[in-house]
Amino acid sequence: MGFVTGMLAGMLRRNIDPTLLLAELDIDLADAASRVPLDRYATLYNLVIRELGDEGFGLFSTPMGRGSFEFLCRGMLGAPTLADGLDRARRFLAIVLPDLSVSVNRGDDRAELHIREAAPLTASPNDPARVFAFEWLLRLLHSLSCWLVGRGLALDSVDFPFAPPAHADDYALVYTARSSFIEGPQLTARFNATLLDLPIRRDEAALSSFLEGAPGRISMLYRRDRNTVIRVRDLIRDALPASLTQDEAADRLHMSPRTLHRRLEEEGASFRGIKEALRRDMALARLTKTRQPISRVAADLGYADTSAFYRAFTGWTGMSPERYRKHLSITTPNTGSTQP
């Protein structure tokens, strides 16, 4: 839900009420534990842009005019390699998005994509508007690069220039499990330098089809929570309350543990990270929507004892399960269920 909150920050800055848009898509911001389906997220993406007339979501000093995404795609399309395409993207974004600068530095083995503030976007470095600005531009450039070369491109690690947001666990699914949070004005994403030599494989016909539903459609492409990751997540969930091991998951997927580890790594994830993200989502949902005893929630999620669940939950949210429920009862009364 954190990605939705950030997307709406520009509307709120302009005193535009997003309630009708959210109701139309059946999105409830108060239900922090829920996940918004990709198709609804992409639709909201386009609706916010249409409402604001700004493909930068109202987050920047200069609006990005409608059609900016299309011209970014067209500019990169004619490049011979990804390196050339990203350089074209850098130059185009310097014109339409002067608040953030993009650069790529290449070494012998590794390359780095930098996204840097020209000046502070917000007074607080952890303002949801600033957080989403960096999240969005990295997602845009990464997904578009994947589409242009016709394959997923793994990010080895990303340094985000803000404190971990409430939805930080989801970064393992959207970006990479190797996400860190630092102070400063710059995001750094690292990847294998040889990826820059990949040829651009898409043509004009493919672009015409791709632009249907754009730019929101970009959010539906090359997510880290697809393919092997989503299959592993489903296996872990279906096995609960038993705690599935990586070797057991590999056996059920008819592959060796080493192959499973490699495939998850290629998708920027790890077995442990997937398990923890799933347990977190389910725990938040249970505490939000039911009045089940904490001990039962812990047992259903496969924790050997309640104290282990308490430690994990405090690590996720910064508060105990009881305090979390109390906080919900104050901020969103009457949302809980009395179902056992």
Protein backbone atom coordinates (compact mmCIF):
# COMPACT_ATOMS: atom_id res chain seq x y z
CA MET A 1 0.00 0.00 0.00
CA GLY A 2 3.02 2.28 0.47
CA PHE A 3 3.47 2.55 -3.29
CA VAL A 4 -0.14 3.76 -3.61
CA THR A 5 0.29 6.33 -0.83
CA GLY A 6 3.38 7.74 -2.53
CA MET A 7 1.64 7.90 -5.89
CA LEU A 8 -1.15 10.00 -4.38
CA ALA A 9 1.19 12.42 -2.59
CA GLY A 10 1.15 14.93 -5.46
CA MET A 11 -2.65 15.00 -5.55
CA LEU A 12 -2.78 15.69 -1.83
CA ARG A 13 -0.25 18.50 -2.23
CA ARG A 14 -2.66 20.15 -4.64
CA ASN A 15 -5.61 19.57 -2.33
CA ILE A 16 -7.19 17.12 -4.77
CA ASP A 17 -9.18 14.42 -2.98
CA PRO A 18 -8.35 10.93 -4.35
CA THR A 19 -11.29 9.29 -2.59
CA LEU A 20 -13.39 8.83 -5.73
CA LEU A 21 -10.50 7.29 -7.68
CA LEU A 22 -9.75 4.86 -4.85
CA ALA A 23 -13.41 3.93 -4.42
CA GLU A 24 -13.76 3.28 -8.15
CA LEU A 25 -10.92 0.75 -7.92
CA ASP A 26 -11.97 -0.65 -4.51
CA ILE A 27 -8.69 0.41 -2.87
CA ASP A 28 -8.81 1.04 0.88
CA LEU A 29 -5.79 2.97 2.19
CA ALA A 30 -6.78 2.12 5.76
CA ASP A 31 -6.12 -1.56 5.07
CA ALA A 32 -2.34 -1.27 5.19
CA ALA A 33 -1.84 -5.05 5.01
CA SER A 34 -3.64 -5.52 1.70
CA ARG A 35 -1.98 -5.78 -1.69
CA VAL A 36 -3.41 -3.91 -4.66
CA PRO A 37 -3.71 -6.15 -7.76
CA LEU A 38 -1.38 -5.10 -10.54
CA ASP A 39 -4.14 -4.28 -13.02
CA ARG A 40 -5.81 -1.93 -10.53
CA TYR A 41 -2.48 -0.35 -9.63
CA ALA A 42 -1.75 0.29 -13.33
CA THR A 43 -5.23 1.77 -13.80
CA LEU A 44 -4.75 4.07 -10.79
CA TYR A 45 -1.36 5.09 -12.20
CA ASN A 46 -3.04 6.28 -15.41
CA LEU A 47 -5.98 7.90 -13.64
CA VAL A 48 -3.72 9.98 -11.38
CA ILE A 49 -1.74 11.16 -14.41
CA ARG A 50 -4.95 12.05 -16.24
CA GLU A 51 -6.33 13.92 -13.21
CA LEU A 52 -3.14 15.96 -12.80
CA GLY A 53 -2.14 16.26 -16.46
CA ASP A 54 1.35 15.36 -15.25
CA GLU A 55 3.25 12.12 -15.86
CA GLY A 56 5.40 13.00 -12.84
CA PHE A 57 2.39 12.67 -10.48
CA GLY A 58 2.65 16.29 -9.32
CA LEU A 59 5.84 15.50 -7.40
CA PHE A 60 8.26 17.83 -9.14
CA SER A 61 8.75 21.56 -9.69
CA THR A 62 8.12 21.16 -13.43
CA PRO A 63 5.21 18.95 -14.61
CA MET A 64 6.04 16.17 -17.06
CA GLY A 65 3.69 16.80 -19.97
CA ARG A 66 1.41 14.07 -21.27
CA GLY A 67 3.29 12.06 -23.89
CA SER A 68 6.67 12.26 -22.12
CA PHE A 69 6.70 8.50 -21.52
CA GLU A 70 5.96 7.78 -25.19
CA PHE A 71 8.80 10.04 -26.36
CA LEU A 72 11.16 8.44 -23.83
CA CYS A 73 10.30 5.04 -25.31
CA ARG A 74 10.71 6.25 -28.88
CA GLY A 75 14.04 7.84 -28.11
CA MET A 76 15.46 4.67 -26.56
CA LEU A 77 13.94 2.41 -29.24
CA GLY A 78 16.35 3.46 -31.98
CA ALA A 79 19.49 2.91 -29.91
CA PRO A 80 21.75 -0.02 -30.86
CA THR A 81 22.49 -1.15 -27.28
CA LEU A 82 21.08 -0.67 -23.80
CA ALA A 83 24.01 1.58 -22.93
CA ASP A 84 23.12 3.91 -25.79
CA GLY A 85 19.43 3.71 -24.88
CA LEU A 86 20.07 4.72 -21.27
CA ASP A 87 22.22 7.60 -22.43
CA ARG A 88 19.35 8.82 -24.59
CA ALA A 89 17.02 8.45 -21.60
CA ARG A 90 19.43 10.49 -19.48
CA ARG A 91 19.46 13.36 -21.97
CA PHE A 92 15.68 13.34 -22.48
CA LEU A 93 14.93 13.25 -18.74
CA ALA A 94 17.29 16.18 -18.17
CA ILE A 95 14.83 18.22 -20.28
CA VAL A 96 11.48 17.01 -18.90
CA LEU A 97 12.54 16.13 -15.35
CA PRO A 98 15.26 18.57 -14.22
CA ASP A 99 14.70 17.85 -10.50
CA LEU A 100 16.33 14.40 -10.85
CA SER A 101 19.44 13.64 -12.86
CA VAL A 102 20.26 10.20 -14.25
CA SER A 103 23.72 8.83 -15.02
CA VAL A 104 25.34 5.44 -15.66
CA ASN A 105 28.91 4.64 -14.63
CA ARG A 106 30.53 1.52 -16.05
CA GLY A 107 33.43 -0.40 -14.53
CA ASP A 108 35.19 -3.56 -15.64
CA ASP A 109 32.60 -5.92 -14.16
CA ARG A 110 29.88 -3.82 -12.53
CA ALA A 111 27.85 -0.84 -13.62
CA GLU A 112 25.92 1.68 -11.56
CA LEU A 113 22.78 3.64 -12.34
CA HIS A 114 22.59 6.88 -10.36
CA ILE A 115 19.46 8.96 -9.74
CA ARG A 116 20.31 12.20 -7.96
CA GLU A 117 18.36 15.18 -6.67
CA ALA A 118 19.30 18.51 -8.21
CA ALA A 119 17.89 20.05 -5.01
CA PRO A 120 15.94 18.51 -2.11
CA LEU A 121 12.53 17.42 -3.36
CA THR A 122 10.92 17.76 0.08
CA ALA A 123 11.78 19.19 3.47
CA SER A 124 12.02 15.69 4.96
CA PRO A 125 14.13 13.04 3.19
CA ASN A 126 11.54 10.43 4.22
CA ASP A 127 8.49 12.27 2.89
CA PRO A 128 6.31 9.73 0.97
CA ALA A 129 6.43 12.04 -2.07
CA ARG A 130 10.25 11.93 -2.18
CA VAL A 131 10.35 8.18 -1.46
CA PHE A 132 7.94 7.48 -4.32
CA ALA A 133 9.82 9.78 -6.71
CA PHE A 134 12.94 7.63 -6.41
CA GLU A 135 10.96 4.36 -6.39
CA TRP A 136 9.05 5.40 -9.50
CA LEU A 137 11.98 6.55 -11.62
CA LEU A 138 14.08 3.48 -10.84
CA ARG A 139 11.10 1.25 -11.63
CA LEU A 140 10.46 3.14 -14.85
CA LEU A 141 14.03 2.93 -16.14
CA HIS A 142 14.54 -0.67 -15.02
CA SER A 143 11.29 -2.04 -16.46
CA LEU A 144 11.65 -0.12 -19.70
CA SER A 145 15.21 -1.43 -20.08
CA CYS A 146 13.98 -5.00 -19.52
CA TRP A 147 11.28 -4.58 -22.13
CA LEU A 148 13.59 -3.05 -24.73
CA VAL A 149 16.12 -5.91 -24.52
CA GLY A 150 13.42 -8.57 -24.16
CA ARG A 151 14.56 -10.13 -20.88
CA GLY A 152 14.65 -9.54 -17.15
CA LEU A 153 17.69 -7.65 -15.89
CA ALA A 154 18.69 -8.46 -12.32
CA LEU A 155 19.72 -5.63 -10.03
CA ASP A 156 22.56 -6.79 -7.80
CA SER A 157 21.87 -4.19 -5.12
CA VAL A 158 20.23 -0.81 -4.62
CA ASP A 159 21.02 1.97 -2.14
CA PHE A 160 17.90 4.05 -1.53
CA PRO A 161 18.48 7.58 -0.13
CA PHE A 162 15.93 7.47 2.68
CA ALA A 163 15.06 5.50 5.79
CA PRO A 164 13.31 2.13 5.27
CA PRO A 165 9.63 2.86 4.52
CA ALA A 166 6.85 0.73 6.00
CA HIS A 167 6.69 -1.27 2.76
CA ALA A 168 10.45 -1.88 2.57
CA ASP A 169 9.97 -5.67 2.71
CA ASP A 170 8.26 -5.45 -0.68
CA TYR A 171 11.49 -4.15 -2.24
CA ALA A 172 12.73 -7.74 -2.35
CA LEU A 173 9.86 -8.48 -4.72
CA VAL A 174 9.91 -5.29 -6.78
CA TYR A 175 13.64 -4.44 -6.95
CA THR A 176 16.06 -6.77 -5.16
CA ALA A 177 16.45 -8.44 -1.77
CA ARG A 178 19.75 -6.57 -1.50
CA SER A 179 18.20 -3.18 -0.83
CA SER A 180 19.83 -0.82 1.68
CA PHE A 181 18.87 2.62 2.97
CA ILE A 182 21.34 5.48 3.32
CA GLU A 183 21.39 9.22 3.85
CA GLY A 184 22.09 11.52 0.94
CA PRO A 185 20.71 12.87 -2.32
CA GLN A 186 21.46 9.88 -4.57
CA LEU A 187 20.05 6.44 -5.35
CA THR A 188 22.55 3.87 -6.65
CA ALA A 189 21.52 0.67 -8.44
CA ARG A 190 24.25 -1.84 -9.30
CA PHE A 191 24.16 -4.51 -11.99
CA ASN A 192 26.39 -6.61 -14.26
CA ALA A 193 28.19 -4.31 -16.70
CA THR A 194 27.77 -6.75 -19.61
CA LEU A 195 24.03 -6.04 -19.58
CA LEU A 196 24.79 -2.63 -21.08
CA ASP A 197 25.98 -4.38 -24.26
CA LEU A 198 22.64 -6.10 -24.88
CA PRO A 199 21.02 -5.03 -28.15
CA ILE A 200 17.67 -3.23 -28.25
CA ARG A 201 15.33 -5.88 -29.69
CA ARG A 202 11.96 -4.10 -29.90
CA ASP A 203 10.68 -2.44 -33.06
CA GLU A 204 8.04 0.14 -33.93
CA ALA A 205 5.27 -2.45 -34.19
CA ALA A 206 6.06 -3.80 -30.73
CA LEU A 207 6.12 -0.27 -29.34
CA SER A 208 2.68 0.55 -30.72
CA SER A 209 1.23 -2.44 -28.88
CA PHE A 210 3.26 -1.69 -25.75
CA LEU A 211 1.94 1.87 -25.53
CA GLU A 212 -1.65 0.67 -25.16
CA GLY A 213 -2.40 1.20 -21.50
CA ALA A 214 0.84 3.13 -20.99
CA PRO A 215 2.43 4.55 -18.97
CA GLY A 216 0.68 2.61 -16.19
CA ARG A 217 1.34 -0.66 -17.97
CA ILE A 218 5.04 -0.35 -17.18
CA SER A 219 4.23 -1.22 -13.56
CA MET A 220 2.96 -4.63 -14.68
CA LEU A 221 6.20 -5.69 -16.41
CA TYR A 222 9.26 -7.51 -15.09
CA ARG A 223 8.28 -7.55 -11.44
CA ARG A 224 10.49 -9.55 -9.15
CA ASP A 225 7.44 -11.34 -7.72
CA ARG A 226 6.87 -13.42 -10.83
CA ASN A 227 8.07 -16.75 -12.20
CA THR A 228 10.13 -18.63 -9.60
CA VAL A 229 9.49 -16.14 -6.80
CA ILE A 230 5.73 -16.36 -6.99
CA ARG A 231 5.82 -20.17 -7.26
CA VAL A 232 7.96 -20.37 -4.12
CA ARG A 233 5.69 -17.92 -2.31
CA ASP A 234 2.67 -20.08 -3.15
CA LEU A 235 4.42 -23.23 -1.94
CA ILE A 236 5.35 -21.64 1.38
CA ARG A 237 1.81 -20.34 1.92
CA ASP A 238 0.18 -23.66 1.05
CA ALA A 239 2.48 -25.54 3.44
CA LEU A 240 1.59 -23.41 6.49
CA PRO A 241 1.62 -23.94 9.41
CA ALA A 242 4.48 -26.28 8.51
CA SER A 243 7.70 -24.36 7.84
CA LEU A 244 8.80 -25.35 4.34
CA THR A 245 12.56 -25.54 3.78
CA GLN A 246 14.38 -24.48 0.65
CA ASP A 247 15.33 -28.08 -0.11
CA GLU A 248 11.68 -29.15 0.18
CA ALA A 249 10.58 -26.32 -2.10
CA ALA A 250 13.21 -27.26 -4.67
CA ASP A 251 12.01 -30.88 -4.60
CA ARG A 252 8.40 -29.83 -5.22
CA LEU A 253 9.53 -27.63 -8.11
CA HIS A 254 11.52 -30.55 -9.57
CA MET A 255 14.85 -28.77 -9.44
CA SER A 256 17.98 -28.96 -7.32
CA PRO A 257 18.41 -26.63 -4.33
CA ARG A 258 21.34 -25.00 -6.13
CA THR A 259 19.20 -24.32 -9.22
CA LEU A 260 16.41 -22.88 -7.08
CA HIS A 261 18.88 -20.63 -5.26
CA ARG A 262 20.32 -19.43 -8.59
CA ARG A 263 16.92 -18.71 -10.13
CA LEU A 264 15.77 -16.78 -7.09
CA GLU A 265 19.03 -14.83 -7.14
CA GLU A 266 18.52 -14.00 -10.83
CA GLU A 267 15.11 -12.58 -9.91
CA GLY A 268 16.64 -10.51 -7.12
CA ALA A 269 15.18 -12.55 -4.26
CA SER A 270 16.03 -15.20 -1.69
CA PHE A 271 14.06 -18.04 -0.12
CA ARG A 272 14.36 -16.52 3.35
CA GLY A 273 13.27 -13.09 2.09
CA ILE A 274 10.20 -14.53 0.38
CA LYS A 275 9.20 -16.45 3.51
CA GLU A 276 9.57 -13.42 5.75
CA ALA A 277 7.65 -11.13 3.37
CA LEU A 278 4.80 -13.65 3.16
CA ARG A 279 4.63 -14.11 6.94
CA ARG A 280 4.63 -10.34 7.39
CA ASP A 281 1.78 -9.83 4.92
CA MET A 282 -0.30 -12.59 6.48
CA ALA A 283 0.38 -11.40 10.02
CA LEU A 284 -0.66 -7.83 9.23
CA ALA A 285 -3.78 -9.07 7.47
CA ARG A 286 -4.77 -11.31 10.41
CA LEU A 287 -4.23 -8.59 12.99
CA THR A 288 -6.10 -6.06 10.85
CA LYS A 289 -9.11 -8.15 9.86
CA THR A 290 -9.60 -10.62 12.75
CA ARG A 291 -9.51 -10.75 16.54
CA GLN A 292 -7.65 -14.05 16.64
CA PRO A 293 -5.36 -14.52 19.66
CA ILE A 294 -1.72 -13.63 18.99
CA SER A 295 -0.69 -17.18 19.89
CA ARG A 296 -2.96 -18.61 17.19
CA VAL A 297 -1.66 -16.19 14.55
CA ALA A 298 1.90 -17.17 15.45
CA ALA A 299 1.10 -20.89 15.25
CA ASP A 300 -0.74 -20.57 11.93
CA LEU A 301 2.27 -18.79 10.43
CA GLY A 302 4.60 -21.60 11.45
CA TYR A 303 6.40 -20.04 14.42
CA ALA A 304 7.61 -22.58 16.94
CA ASP A 305 6.71 -20.30 19.84
CA THR A 306 4.90 -17.00 20.32
CA SER A 307 8.02 -15.17 21.48
CA ALA A 308 9.68 -15.78 18.09
CA PHE A 309 6.65 -14.24 16.39
CA TYR A 310 6.82 -11.23 18.73
CA ARG A 311 10.46 -10.63 17.81
CA ALA A 312 9.73 -10.92 14.09
CA PHE A 313 6.68 -8.66 14.25
CA THR A 314 8.51 -6.00 16.21
CA GLY A 315 11.26 -6.10 13.61
CA TRP A 316 8.73 -5.57 10.80
CA THR A 317 6.66 -2.81 12.35
CA GLY A 318 8.60 -1.39 15.29
CA MET A 319 5.79 -2.35 17.70
CA SER A 320 4.31 -5.40 19.36
CA PRO A 321 1.27 -7.16 17.89
CA GLU A 322 -0.95 -5.83 20.72
CA ARG A 323 0.23 -2.27 20.20
CA TYR A 324 -0.33 -2.61 16.46
CA ARG A 325 -3.93 -3.70 17.07
CA LYS A 326 -4.45 -0.86 19.54
CA HIS A 327 -3.09 1.61 17.00
CA LEU A 328 -5.49 0.25 14.37
CA SER A 329 -8.44 0.55 16.73
CA ILE A 330 -7.63 4.24 17.24
CA THR A 331 -6.98 5.16 13.61
CA THR A 332 -9.52 2.90 11.88
CA PRO A 333 -12.29 1.95 14.32
CA ASN A 334 -14.85 -0.69 13.32
CA THR A 335 -12.59 -2.22 10.66
CA GLY A 336 -11.76 -5.33 12.63
CA SER A 337 -13.78 -8.52 12.52
CA THR A 338 -14.95 -10.51 15.46
CA GLN A 339 -14.55 -13.72 13.48
CA PRO A 340 -12.29 -16.28 15.17
